[in-house]
Amino acid sequence: MNEAVFSQISMAVLLTGLMVWMGFIVWDLAKKSKAGKFGTFMMFTIMGAGVLGFVIKTVLVEIIQI
């Protein structure tokens, strides 16, 4: 396994772990602040928009490279 393949695999694994960890942090913050159902939904929606933007950027970069 060369460095490029290792870097690509580790980036995918570590970024997935980071996104899961951020989800846990948002859930814990919503619970501790008693945000309610709507507040929790909005917090996850905003975080999800950031994650979706990152995924779209990654897909577009791969499409452009082809």
PDB file of N, CA and C in Angstrom:
ATOM      1  N   MET A   1       0.856  -1.175   0.000  1.00  0.00           N
ATOM      2  CA  MET A   1       0.000   0.000   0.000  1.00  0.00           C
ATOM      3  C   MET A   1       0.901   1.236   0.000  1.00  0.00           C
ATOM      4  N   ASN A   2       0.683   2.084  -0.988  1.00  0.00           N
ATOM      5  CA  ASN A   2       1.507   3.291  -1.039  1.00  0.00           C
ATOM      6  C   ASN A   2       0.870   4.412  -0.222  1.00  0.00           C
ATOM      7  N   GLU A   3       1.562   5.518  -0.162  1.00  0.00           N
ATOM      8  CA  GLU A   3       1.143   6.622   0.697  1.00  0.00           C
ATOM      9  C   GLU A   3      -0.171   7.240   0.246  1.00  0.00           C
ATOM     10  N   ALA A   4      -0.405   7.310  -1.044  1.00  0.00           N
ATOM     11  CA  ALA A   4      -1.628   7.930  -1.564  1.00  0.00           C
ATOM     12  C   ALA A   4      -2.865   7.114  -1.194  1.00  0.00           C
ATOM     13  N   VAL A   5      -2.766   5.799  -1.320  1.00  0.00           N
ATOM     14  CA  VAL A   5      -3.898   4.932  -0.973  1.00  0.00           C
ATOM     15  C   VAL A   5      -4.161   4.990   0.523  1.00  0.00           C
ATOM     16  N   PHE A   6      -3.101   4.935   1.323  1.00  0.00           N
ATOM     17  CA  PHE A   6      -3.253   5.026   2.775  1.00  0.00           C
ATOM     18  C   PHE A   6      -3.880   6.355   3.171  1.00  0.00           C
ATOM     19  N   SER A   7      -3.441   7.426   2.543  1.00  0.00           N
ATOM     20  CA  SER A   7      -3.972   8.750   2.840  1.00  0.00           C
ATOM     21  C   SER A   7      -5.453   8.840   2.493  1.00  0.00           C
ATOM     22  N   GLN A   8      -5.830   8.289   1.360  1.00  0.00           N
ATOM     23  CA  GLN A   8      -7.235   8.332   0.937  1.00  0.00           C
ATOM     24  C   GLN A   8      -8.119   7.525   1.889  1.00  0.00           C
ATOM     25  N   ILE A   9      -7.682   6.340   2.272  1.00  0.00           N
ATOM     26  CA  ILE A   9      -8.464   5.498   3.174  1.00  0.00           C
ATOM     27  C   ILE A   9      -8.560   6.133   4.558  1.00  0.00           C
ATOM     28  N   SER A  10      -7.430   6.594   5.076  1.00  0.00           N
ATOM     29  CA  SER A  10      -7.448   7.182   6.420  1.00  0.00           C
ATOM     30  C   SER A  10      -8.268   8.467   6.451  1.00  0.00           C
ATOM     31  N   MET A  11      -8.247   9.245   5.383  1.00  0.00           N
ATOM     32  CA  MET A  11      -9.050  10.467   5.333  1.00  0.00           C
ATOM     33  C   MET A  11     -10.534  10.127   5.406  1.00  0.00           C
ATOM     34  N   ALA A  12     -10.959   9.126   4.661  1.00  0.00           N
ATOM     35  CA  ALA A  12     -12.373   8.740   4.673  1.00  0.00           C
ATOM     36  C   ALA A  12     -12.784   8.216   6.048  1.00  0.00           C
ATOM     37  N   VAL A  13     -11.958   7.381   6.646  1.00  0.00           N
ATOM     38  CA  VAL A  13     -12.289   6.798   7.953  1.00  0.00           C
ATOM     39  C   VAL A  13     -12.294   7.868   9.040  1.00  0.00           C
ATOM     40  N   LEU A  14     -11.271   8.702   9.071  1.00  0.00           N
ATOM     41  CA  LEU A  14     -11.162   9.712  10.120  1.00  0.00           C
ATOM     42  C   LEU A  14     -12.214  10.809   9.975  1.00  0.00           C
ATOM     43  N   LEU A  15     -12.542  11.193   8.750  1.00  0.00           N
ATOM     44  CA  LEU A  15     -13.588  12.206   8.579  1.00  0.00           C
ATOM     45  C   LEU A  15     -14.959  11.656   8.963  1.00  0.00           C
ATOM     46  N   THR A  16     -15.196  10.382   8.674  1.00  0.00           N
ATOM     47  CA  THR A  16     -16.448   9.764   9.106  1.00  0.00           C
ATOM     48  C   THR A  16     -16.527   9.748  10.626  1.00  0.00           C
ATOM     49  N   GLY A  17     -15.434   9.379  11.273  1.00  0.00           N
ATOM     50  CA  GLY A  17     -15.395   9.396  12.733  1.00  0.00           C
ATOM     51  C   GLY A  17     -15.604  10.788  13.292  1.00  0.00           C
ATOM     52  N   LEU A  18     -15.020  11.787  12.652  1.00  0.00           N
ATOM     53  CA  LEU A  18     -15.185  13.167  13.097  1.00  0.00           C
ATOM     54  C   LEU A  18     -16.637  13.615  12.974  1.00  0.00           C
ATOM     55  N   MET A  19     -17.297  13.241  11.881  1.00  0.00           N
ATOM     56  CA  MET A  19     -18.697  13.618  11.695  1.00  0.00           C
ATOM     57  C   MET A  19     -19.598  12.943  12.722  1.00  0.00           C
ATOM     58  N   VAL A  20     -19.307  11.684  13.034  1.00  0.00           N
ATOM     59  CA  VAL A  20     -20.080  10.986  14.070  1.00  0.00           C
ATOM     60  C   VAL A  20     -19.857  11.652  15.422  1.00  0.00           C
ATOM     61  N   TRP A  21     -18.626  12.000  15.724  1.00  0.00           N
ATOM     62  CA  TRP A  21     -18.308  12.669  16.994  1.00  0.00           C
ATOM     63  C   TRP A  21     -19.021  14.028  17.082  1.00  0.00           C
ATOM     64  N   MET A  22     -19.042  14.774  15.973  1.00  0.00           N
ATOM     65  CA  MET A  22     -19.743  16.054  15.960  1.00  0.00           C
ATOM     66  C   MET A  22     -21.245  15.854  16.182  1.00  0.00           C
ATOM     67  N   GLY A  23     -21.796  14.782  15.627  1.00  0.00           N
ATOM     68  CA  GLY A  23     -23.206  14.474  15.853  1.00  0.00           C
ATOM     69  C   GLY A  23     -23.487  14.204  17.318  1.00  0.00           C
ATOM     70  N   PHE A  24     -22.589  13.469  17.972  1.00  0.00           N
ATOM     71  CA  PHE A  24     -22.744  13.213  19.399  1.00  0.00           C
ATOM     72  C   PHE A  24     -22.674  14.516  20.196  1.00  0.00           C
ATOM     73  N   ILE A  25     -21.758  15.393  19.827  1.00  0.00           N
ATOM     74  CA  ILE A  25     -21.620  16.672  20.533  1.00  0.00           C
ATOM     75  C   ILE A  25     -22.892  17.507  20.388  1.00  0.00           C
ATOM     76  N   VAL A  26     -23.449  17.555  19.179  1.00  0.00           N
ATOM     77  CA  VAL A  26     -24.673  18.327  18.960  1.00  0.00           C
ATOM     78  C   VAL A  26     -25.824  17.720  19.755  1.00  0.00           C
ATOM     79  N   TRP A  27     -25.931  16.396  19.743  1.00  0.00           N
ATOM     80  CA  TRP A  27     -26.996  15.730  20.502  1.00  0.00           C
ATOM     81  C   TRP A  27     -26.853  16.031  21.997  1.00  0.00           C
ATOM     82  N   ASP A  28     -25.631  15.945  22.522  1.00  0.00           N
ATOM     83  CA  ASP A  28     -25.394  16.223  23.935  1.00  0.00           C
ATOM     84  C   ASP A  28     -25.697  17.690  24.258  1.00  0.00           C
ATOM     85  N   LEU A  29     -25.302  18.593  23.369  1.00  0.00           N
ATOM     86  CA  LEU A  29     -25.592  20.012  23.576  1.00  0.00           C
ATOM     87  C   LEU A  29     -27.097  20.271  23.582  1.00  0.00           C
ATOM     88  N   ALA A  30     -27.816  19.641  22.669  1.00  0.00           N
ATOM     89  CA  ALA A  30     -29.271  19.819  22.615  1.00  0.00           C
ATOM     90  C   ALA A  30     -29.925  19.269  23.874  1.00  0.00           C
ATOM     91  N   LYS A  31     -29.424  18.149  24.356  1.00  0.00           N
ATOM     92  CA  LYS A  31     -29.992  17.545  25.559  1.00  0.00           C
ATOM     93  C   LYS A  31     -29.724  18.413  26.785  1.00  0.00           C
ATOM     94  N   LYS A  32     -28.492  18.889  26.926  1.00  0.00           N
ATOM     95  CA  LYS A  32     -28.126  19.687  28.098  1.00  0.00           C
ATOM     96  C   LYS A  32     -28.799  21.059  28.096  1.00  0.00           C
ATOM     97  N   SER A  33     -29.044  21.610  26.907  1.00  0.00           N
ATOM     98  CA  SER A  33     -29.659  22.937  26.842  1.00  0.00           C
ATOM     99  C   SER A  33     -31.176  22.858  26.792  1.00  0.00           C
ATOM    100  N   LYS A  34     -31.707  21.645  26.823  1.00  0.00           N
ATOM    101  CA  LYS A  34     -33.161  21.421  26.769  1.00  0.00           C
ATOM    102  C   LYS A  34     -33.764  22.141  25.561  1.00  0.00           C
ATOM    103  N   ALA A  35     -33.191  21.878  24.400  1.00  0.00           N
ATOM    104  CA  ALA A  35     -33.598  22.564  23.171  1.00  0.00           C
ATOM    105  C   ALA A  35     -34.968  22.120  22.680  1.00  0.00           C
ATOM    106  N   GLY A  36     -35.443  20.985  23.084  1.00  0.00           N
ATOM    107  CA  GLY A  36     -36.729  20.498  22.601  1.00  0.00           C
ATOM    108  C   GLY A  36     -36.575  19.816  21.251  1.00  0.00           C
ATOM    109  N   LYS A  37     -37.685  19.314  20.748  1.00  0.00           N
ATOM    110  CA  LYS A  37     -37.639  18.573  19.485  1.00  0.00           C
ATOM    111  C   LYS A  37     -37.278  19.476  18.312  1.00  0.00           C
ATOM    112  N   PHE A  38     -37.915  20.648  18.248  1.00  0.00           N
ATOM    113  CA  PHE A  38     -37.645  21.546  17.127  1.00  0.00           C
ATOM    114  C   PHE A  38     -36.212  22.077  17.171  1.00  0.00           C
ATOM    115  N   GLY A  39     -35.748  22.467  18.335  1.00  0.00           N
ATOM    116  CA  GLY A  39     -34.378  22.966  18.461  1.00  0.00           C
ATOM    117  C   GLY A  39     -33.351  21.905  18.106  1.00  0.00           C
ATOM    118  N   THR A  40     -33.594  20.680  18.561  1.00  0.00           N
ATOM    119  CA  THR A  40     -32.684  19.582  18.232  1.00  0.00           C
ATOM    120  C   THR A  40     -32.696  19.319  16.734  1.00  0.00           C
ATOM    121  N   PHE A  41     -33.893  19.331  16.146  1.00  0.00           N
ATOM    122  CA  PHE A  41     -34.010  19.132  14.698  1.00  0.00           C
ATOM    123  C   PHE A  41     -33.240  20.209  13.939  1.00  0.00           C
ATOM    124  N   MET A  42     -33.372  21.450  14.355  1.00  0.00           N
ATOM    125  CA  MET A  42     -32.672  22.540  13.678  1.00  0.00           C
ATOM    126  C   MET A  42     -31.159  22.423  13.837  1.00  0.00           C
ATOM    127  N   MET A  43     -30.702  22.024  15.012  1.00  0.00           N
ATOM    128  CA  MET A  43     -29.261  21.863  15.224  1.00  0.00           C
ATOM    129  C   MET A  43     -28.704  20.785  14.307  1.00  0.00           C
ATOM    130  N   PHE A  44     -29.406  19.673  14.187  1.00  0.00           N
ATOM    131  CA  PHE A  44     -28.940  18.598  13.314  1.00  0.00           C
ATOM    132  C   PHE A  44     -29.086  18.978  11.837  1.00  0.00           C
ATOM    133  N   THR A  45     -30.099  19.778  11.507  1.00  0.00           N
ATOM    134  CA  THR A  45     -30.267  20.219  10.124  1.00  0.00           C
ATOM    135  C   THR A  45     -29.097  21.097   9.696  1.00  0.00           C
ATOM    136  N   ILE A  46     -28.719  22.026  10.547  1.00  0.00           N
ATOM    137  CA  ILE A  46     -27.606  22.911  10.227  1.00  0.00           C
ATOM    138  C   ILE A  46     -26.301  22.131  10.130  1.00  0.00           C
ATOM    139  N   MET A  47     -26.074  21.206  11.072  1.00  0.00           N
ATOM    140  CA  MET A  47     -24.871  20.392  10.996  1.00  0.00           C
ATOM    141  C   MET A  47     -24.902  19.509   9.749  1.00  0.00           C
ATOM    142  N   GLY A  48     -26.063  18.977   9.437  1.00  0.00           N
ATOM    143  CA  GLY A  48     -26.197  18.137   8.251  1.00  0.00           C
ATOM    144  C   GLY A  48     -25.925  18.903   6.971  1.00  0.00           C
ATOM    145  N   ALA A  49     -26.296  20.182   6.939  1.00  0.00           N
ATOM    146  CA  ALA A  49     -26.032  21.005   5.760  1.00  0.00           C
ATOM    147  C   ALA A  49     -24.523  21.168   5.554  1.00  0.00           C
ATOM    148  N   GLY A  50     -23.795  21.333   6.640  1.00  0.00           N
ATOM    149  CA  GLY A  50     -22.335  21.437   6.523  1.00  0.00           C
ATOM    150  C   GLY A  50     -21.709  20.150   6.025  1.00  0.00           C
ATOM    151  N   VAL A  51     -22.184  19.027   6.538  1.00  0.00           N
ATOM    152  CA  VAL A  51     -21.677  17.723   6.099  1.00  0.00           C
ATOM    153  C   VAL A  51     -22.045  17.497   4.637  1.00  0.00           C
ATOM    154  N   LEU A  52     -23.277  17.838   4.269  1.00  0.00           N
ATOM    155  CA  LEU A  52     -23.718  17.675   2.884  1.00  0.00           C
ATOM    156  C   LEU A  52     -22.868  18.530   1.944  1.00  0.00           C
ATOM    157  N   GLY A  53     -22.544  19.737   2.347  1.00  0.00           N
ATOM    158  CA  GLY A  53     -21.675  20.585   1.542  1.00  0.00           C
ATOM    159  C   GLY A  53     -20.304  19.971   1.327  1.00  0.00           C
ATOM    160  N   PHE A  54     -19.760  19.361   2.372  1.00  0.00           N
ATOM    161  CA  PHE A  54     -18.462  18.702   2.249  1.00  0.00           C
ATOM    162  C   PHE A  54     -18.543  17.525   1.290  1.00  0.00           C
ATOM    163  N   VAL A  55     -19.619  16.732   1.381  1.00  0.00           N
ATOM    164  CA  VAL A  55     -19.783  15.565   0.507  1.00  0.00           C
ATOM    165  C   VAL A  55     -19.958  16.024  -0.943  1.00  0.00           C
ATOM    166  N   ILE A  56     -20.757  17.054  -1.163  1.00  0.00           N
ATOM    167  CA  ILE A  56     -20.955  17.560  -2.525  1.00  0.00           C
ATOM    168  C   ILE A  56     -19.641  18.066  -3.103  1.00  0.00           C
ATOM    169  N   LYS A  57     -18.856  18.768  -2.291  1.00  0.00           N
ATOM    170  CA  LYS A  57     -17.555  19.258  -2.767  1.00  0.00           C
ATOM    171  C   LYS A  57     -16.646  18.104  -3.168  1.00  0.00           C
ATOM    172  N   THR A  58     -16.628  17.058  -2.360  1.00  0.00           N
ATOM    173  CA  THR A  58     -15.784  15.899  -2.658  1.00  0.00           C
ATOM    174  C   THR A  58     -16.222  15.223  -3.956  1.00  0.00           C
ATOM    175  N   VAL A  59     -17.527  15.058  -4.142  1.00  0.00           N
ATOM    176  CA  VAL A  59     -18.040  14.432  -5.356  1.00  0.00           C
ATOM    177  C   VAL A  59     -17.716  15.291  -6.575  1.00  0.00           C
ATOM    178  N   LEU A  60     -17.895  16.598  -6.479  1.00  0.00           N
ATOM    179  CA  LEU A  60     -17.595  17.478  -7.596  1.00  0.00           C
ATOM    180  C   LEU A  60     -16.116  17.456  -7.975  1.00  0.00           C
ATOM    181  N   VAL A  61     -15.245  17.414  -6.985  1.00  0.00           N
ATOM    182  CA  VAL A  61     -13.810  17.347  -7.264  1.00  0.00           C
ATOM    183  C   VAL A  61     -13.493  16.056  -8.010  1.00  0.00           C
ATOM    184  N   GLU A  62     -14.093  14.950  -7.593  1.00  0.00           N
ATOM    185  CA  GLU A  62     -13.847  13.677  -8.272  1.00  0.00           C
ATOM    186  C   GLU A  62     -14.392  13.705  -9.711  1.00  0.00           C
ATOM    187  N   ILE A  63     -15.547  14.312  -9.904  1.00  0.00           N
ATOM    188  CA  ILE A  63     -16.128  14.398 -11.256  1.00  0.00           C
ATOM    189  C   ILE A  63     -15.264  15.270 -12.146  1.00  0.00           C
ATOM    190  N   ILE A  64     -14.772  16.379 -11.631  1.00  0.00           N
ATOM    191  CA  ILE A  64     -13.952  17.287 -12.420  1.00  0.00           C
ATOM    192  C   ILE A  64     -12.628  16.624 -12.800  1.00  0.00           C
ATOM    193  N   GLN A  65     -12.079  15.796 -11.936  1.00  0.00           N
ATOM    194  CA  GLN A  65     -10.812  15.128 -12.227  1.00  0.00           C
ATOM    195  C   GLN A  65     -10.951  14.068 -13.319  1.00  0.00           C
ATOM    196  N   ILE A  66     -12.162  13.571 -13.512  1.00  0.00           N
ATOM    197  CA  ILE A  66     -12.371  12.557 -14.568  1.00  0.00           C
ATOM    198  C   ILE A  66     -12.367  13.269 -15.875  1.00  0.00           C
TER     199      ILE A  66
END
